[in-house]
């Protein structure tokens, strides 16, 4: 059976690329599984006291405990956060640490006014020194936005909040992470946080799709080569 060079090369390239992409998705799935195991391990570890400037890599997903006073005038409300399919806000307030510096605290969820979205429902902010327990996260959750969207500086209601940008905007020496509060401070906010989802199932799904495409390309190439060989034999006959 005579095999044409260029069509065969094209099929081999498609097979090689799709097989490689499948392995890449498999490796991404393994990385996410390791991250998920790390998150679950940190959930049962002792909380880390926040006493000095700390890098995100040292505390991300760890349980953290901090003491300080809230700065309510610098509170930001993150819009379009859902709880039981009801729209609302995440209330994010800086905490002035007793040990020095500040950390942003995602204090919890607040329902949105159905008639006037800019009206903030009442809630309480402790005025004295409080102890906050929570999980260190890179941000206070991210929602989809077009361009800068609702994240314009100097607005209390925003779509997203970048820690470094907010530190530059306010002049506060913020820790490079957000503390997702888990303990109750009698403020009326909901802290039914969704479990972290690394999306490992999606990577395995893509892996199967890429390898399926590789198999389909190989089968098509063999079928086309066989048809071409038959056509050549018929012509000679």
Protein backbone atom coordinates (compact mmCIF):
# COMPACT_ATOMS: atom_id res chain seq x y z
CA UNK A 1 0.00 0.00 0.00
CA UNK A 2 1.50 3.29 -1.12
CA UNK A 3 1.25 6.07 1.48
CA UNK A 4 1.22 9.68 0.37
CA UNK A 5 3.77 11.68 2.30
CA UNK A 6 2.02 15.01 2.96
CA UNK A 7 -1.40 13.67 4.01
CA UNK A 8 0.32 11.14 6.27
CA UNK A 9 2.48 13.87 7.80
CA UNK A 10 -0.58 16.04 8.46
CA UNK A 11 -2.34 13.16 10.23
CA UNK A 12 0.75 12.41 12.33
CA UNK A 13 1.04 16.05 13.37
CA UNK A 14 -2.62 16.19 14.43
CA UNK A 15 -2.25 12.96 16.39
CA UNK A 16 0.96 14.13 18.08
CA UNK A 17 -0.50 17.53 19.06
CA UNK A 18 -3.77 16.16 20.42
CA UNK A 19 -2.00 13.39 22.37
CA UNK A 20 0.36 15.99 23.87
CA UNK A 21 -2.57 18.25 24.82
CA UNK A 22 -4.25 15.28 26.49
CA UNK A 23 -1.15 14.63 28.61
CA UNK A 24 -1.01 18.34 29.47
CA UNK A 25 -4.59 18.25 30.75
CA UNK A 26 -3.77 15.10 32.72
CA UNK A 27 -0.80 16.85 34.35
CA UNK A 28 -3.01 19.86 35.20
CA UNK A 29 -5.52 17.49 36.81
CA UNK A 30 -2.77 15.92 38.93
CA UNK A 31 -1.59 19.38 40.03
CA UNK A 32 -5.13 20.33 41.05
CA UNK A 33 -5.56 17.06 42.95
CA UNK A 34 -2.41 17.87 44.91
CA UNK A 35 -3.76 21.37 45.61
CA UNK A 36 -7.10 19.94 46.78
CA UNK A 37 -5.29 17.56 49.15
CA UNK A 38 -3.27 20.49 50.47
CA UNK A 39 -6.42 22.54 51.07
CA UNK A 40 -8.06 19.66 52.95
CA UNK A 41 -4.92 19.16 55.05
CA UNK A 42 -4.84 22.85 56.02
CA UNK A 43 -8.52 22.74 57.05
CA UNK A 44 -7.58 20.53 60.00
CA UNK A 45 -4.30 22.27 60.91
CA UNK A 46 -3.89 24.72 63.79
CA UNK A 47 -4.52 28.38 62.80
CA UNK A 48 -1.54 30.60 62.11
CA UNK A 49 -1.39 33.82 64.20
CA UNK A 50 -1.04 36.87 61.97
CA UNK A 51 1.61 38.96 63.70
CA UNK A 52 3.89 40.28 60.97
CA UNK A 53 4.10 40.89 57.23
CA UNK A 54 3.37 37.54 55.58
CA UNK A 55 3.72 36.36 51.99
CA UNK A 56 0.68 34.91 50.26
CA UNK A 57 2.53 31.69 49.42
CA UNK A 58 3.18 31.08 53.14
CA UNK A 59 -0.46 31.24 54.23
CA UNK A 60 -2.75 30.66 51.23
CA UNK A 61 -5.54 28.23 52.16
CA UNK A 62 -4.24 28.10 55.75
CA UNK A 63 -6.45 28.88 58.72
CA UNK A 64 -5.36 32.22 60.17
CA UNK A 65 -6.26 34.12 63.35
CA UNK A 66 -5.86 37.92 63.60
CA UNK A 67 -6.63 40.55 66.24
CA UNK A 68 -7.38 44.18 65.53
CA UNK A 69 -10.00 46.82 64.86
CA UNK A 70 -12.15 47.14 61.76
CA UNK A 71 -11.91 50.27 59.58
CA UNK A 72 -15.58 50.54 58.49
CA UNK A 73 -15.08 53.74 56.45
CA UNK A 74 -12.99 51.73 53.96
CA UNK A 75 -15.53 48.92 53.49
CA UNK A 76 -16.11 47.66 49.94
CA UNK A 77 -19.19 45.73 48.80
CA UNK A 78 -18.57 43.15 46.07
CA UNK A 79 -21.68 42.92 43.91
CA UNK A 80 -23.31 39.93 42.17
CA UNK A 81 -22.44 37.33 44.81
CA UNK A 82 -25.07 34.62 45.13
CA UNK A 83 -26.27 32.73 48.19
CA UNK A 84 -28.99 30.12 47.61
CA UNK A 85 -29.56 31.74 44.20
CA UNK A 86 -30.25 35.14 45.84
CA UNK A 87 -28.08 38.09 44.69
CA UNK A 88 -26.17 40.07 47.25
CA UNK A 89 -22.81 41.50 48.33
CA UNK A 90 -19.66 40.29 49.98
CA UNK A 91 -18.72 42.78 52.70
CA UNK A 92 -14.95 43.39 52.68
CA UNK A 93 -13.48 45.56 55.45
CA UNK A 94 -9.84 46.30 56.38
CA UNK A 95 -8.77 45.15 59.83
CA UNK A 96 -6.08 47.23 61.56
CA UNK A 97 -3.88 44.64 63.21
CA UNK A 98 -2.65 45.02 66.77
CA UNK A 99 0.76 43.85 65.58
CA UNK A 100 0.83 46.55 62.88
CA UNK A 101 -0.38 46.71 59.32
CA UNK A 102 -3.77 45.85 57.88
CA UNK A 103 -5.50 42.87 56.34
CA UNK A 104 -8.66 42.79 54.22
CA UNK A 105 -11.39 40.64 55.73
CA UNK A 106 -14.16 39.15 53.62
CA UNK A 107 -16.67 39.25 56.46
CA UNK A 108 -19.61 37.52 54.78
CA UNK A 109 -22.62 37.84 52.51
CA UNK A 110 -25.38 40.46 52.64
CA UNK A 111 -28.61 40.31 50.57
CA UNK A 112 -29.19 43.01 47.95
CA UNK A 113 -32.19 45.29 47.92
CA UNK A 114 -34.45 44.04 45.11
CA UNK A 115 -35.85 47.50 44.28
CA UNK A 116 -32.70 49.62 44.62
CA UNK A 117 -29.41 47.75 44.28
CA UNK A 118 -27.30 50.59 45.72
CA UNK A 119 -29.12 50.45 49.09
CA UNK A 120 -27.05 48.45 51.58
CA UNK A 121 -29.03 46.40 54.11
CA UNK A 122 -28.18 47.07 57.78
CA UNK A 123 -25.52 44.97 59.49
CA UNK A 124 -23.24 45.44 62.49
CA UNK A 125 -19.52 46.19 62.70
CA UNK A 126 -17.75 45.61 66.04
CA UNK A 127 -16.21 48.83 67.30
CA UNK A 128 -13.57 47.40 69.62
CA UNK A 129 -10.75 44.91 69.26
CA UNK A 130 -11.96 41.67 67.70
CA UNK A 131 -10.42 38.28 67.03
CA UNK A 132 -11.02 37.13 63.46
CA UNK A 133 -10.55 33.55 62.38
CA UNK A 134 -10.58 32.64 58.74
CA UNK A 135 -8.85 31.21 55.70
CA UNK A 136 -6.23 33.16 53.76
CA UNK A 137 -7.20 33.53 50.10
CA UNK A 138 -5.54 35.35 47.20
CA UNK A 139 -8.64 37.53 46.74
CA UNK A 140 -12.20 37.97 47.98
CA UNK A 141 -13.58 35.88 45.07
CA UNK A 142 -13.77 37.07 41.49
CA UNK A 143 -16.84 37.64 39.33
CA UNK A 144 -16.90 38.14 35.56
CA UNK A 145 -16.61 41.74 34.39
CA UNK A 146 -16.05 43.50 31.07
CA UNK A 147 -12.91 45.61 31.21
CA UNK A 148 -12.67 47.42 34.51
CA UNK A 149 -16.42 46.99 34.90
CA UNK A 150 -17.65 47.79 38.38
CA UNK A 151 -14.17 47.80 39.89
CA UNK A 152 -13.57 51.52 39.43
CA UNK A 153 -11.49 52.96 42.29
CA UNK A 154 -13.12 55.06 45.03
CA UNK A 155 -16.48 53.29 44.73
CA UNK A 156 -17.94 51.41 47.67
CA UNK A 157 -19.83 48.95 45.42
CA UNK A 158 -17.59 47.07 43.00
CA UNK A 159 -17.48 43.89 40.99
CA UNK A 160 -14.01 42.77 42.09
CA UNK A 161 -11.25 43.96 44.39
CA UNK A 162 -7.53 43.60 43.78
CA UNK A 163 -5.54 43.71 47.03
CA UNK A 164 -2.47 45.51 45.64
CA UNK A 165 -4.56 48.08 43.75
CA UNK A 166 -6.70 48.78 46.82
CA UNK A 167 -3.59 49.19 48.97
CA UNK A 168 -2.28 51.80 46.51
CA UNK A 169 -5.68 53.48 46.37
CA UNK A 170 -6.13 53.79 50.15
CA UNK A 171 -2.50 54.02 51.25
CA UNK A 172 -3.07 51.19 53.73
CA UNK A 173 -0.15 48.74 54.20
CA UNK A 174 -2.29 45.69 53.43
CA UNK A 175 -1.25 42.08 53.72
CA UNK A 176 -1.10 40.52 50.21
CA UNK A 177 -4.15 38.33 50.79
CA UNK A 178 -7.75 38.41 52.00
CA UNK A 179 -8.93 36.71 55.18
CA UNK A 180 -12.18 34.83 54.54
CA UNK A 181 -13.83 35.08 57.97
CA UNK A 182 -15.25 31.90 59.50
CA UNK A 183 -16.02 32.81 63.13
CA UNK A 184 -19.15 34.63 64.30
CA UNK A 185 -18.89 38.26 65.42
CA UNK A 186 -22.64 38.89 65.79
CA UNK A 187 -22.73 41.14 62.71
CA UNK A 188 -25.70 39.61 60.90
CA UNK A 189 -23.68 38.49 57.87
CA UNK A 190 -23.89 35.04 56.27
CA UNK A 191 -20.69 33.01 56.17
CA UNK A 192 -21.83 29.88 54.38
CA UNK A 193 -18.76 29.81 52.18
CA UNK A 194 -18.76 27.50 49.13
CA UNK A 195 -16.20 24.72 49.28
CA UNK A 196 -13.10 25.37 47.14
CA UNK A 197 -13.47 23.74 43.73
CA UNK A 198 -10.30 23.18 41.73
CA UNK A 199 -12.22 21.95 38.68
CA UNK A 200 -10.17 18.75 38.29
CA UNK A 201 -13.10 16.95 36.62
CA UNK A 202 -13.01 19.48 33.78
CA UNK A 203 -9.34 18.75 33.11
CA UNK A 204 -9.98 15.01 32.94
CA UNK A 205 -12.87 15.71 30.56
CA UNK A 206 -10.60 17.75 28.27
CA UNK A 207 -7.98 14.99 28.46
CA UNK A 208 -10.50 12.42 27.19
CA UNK A 209 -11.63 14.81 24.44
CA UNK A 210 -8.08 15.42 23.17
CA UNK A 211 -7.22 11.74 23.17
CA UNK A 212 -10.52 10.98 21.46
CA UNK A 213 -9.60 13.47 18.74
CA UNK A 214 -6.20 11.79 18.37
CA UNK A 215 -7.84 8.40 17.94
CA UNK A 216 -10.36 9.81 15.47
CA UNK A 217 -7.57 11.44 13.41
CA UNK A 218 -5.60 8.17 13.35
CA UNK A 219 -8.63 6.12 12.30
CA UNK A 220 -9.51 8.67 9.61
CA UNK A 221 -5.93 8.65 8.31
CA UNK A 222 -5.86 4.85 8.06
CA UNK A 223 -9.26 4.83 6.37
CA UNK A 224 -8.21 7.50 3.87
CA UNK A 225 -4.97 5.63 3.13
CA UNK A 226 -6.89 2.41 2.52
CA UNK A 227 -9.36 4.15 0.21
CA UNK A 228 -6.48 5.74 -1.71
CA UNK A 229 -4.78 2.35 -2.06
CA UNK A 230 -7.98 0.75 -3.33
CA UNK A 231 -8.47 3.56 -5.80
CA UNK A 232 -4.94 3.05 -7.09
CA UNK A 233 -5.43 -0.68 -7.46
CA UNK A 234 -8.74 -0.17 -9.31
CA UNK A 235 -7.08 2.26 -11.67
CA UNK A 236 -4.29 -0.20 -12.45
CA UNK A 237 -6.84 -2.94 -13.05
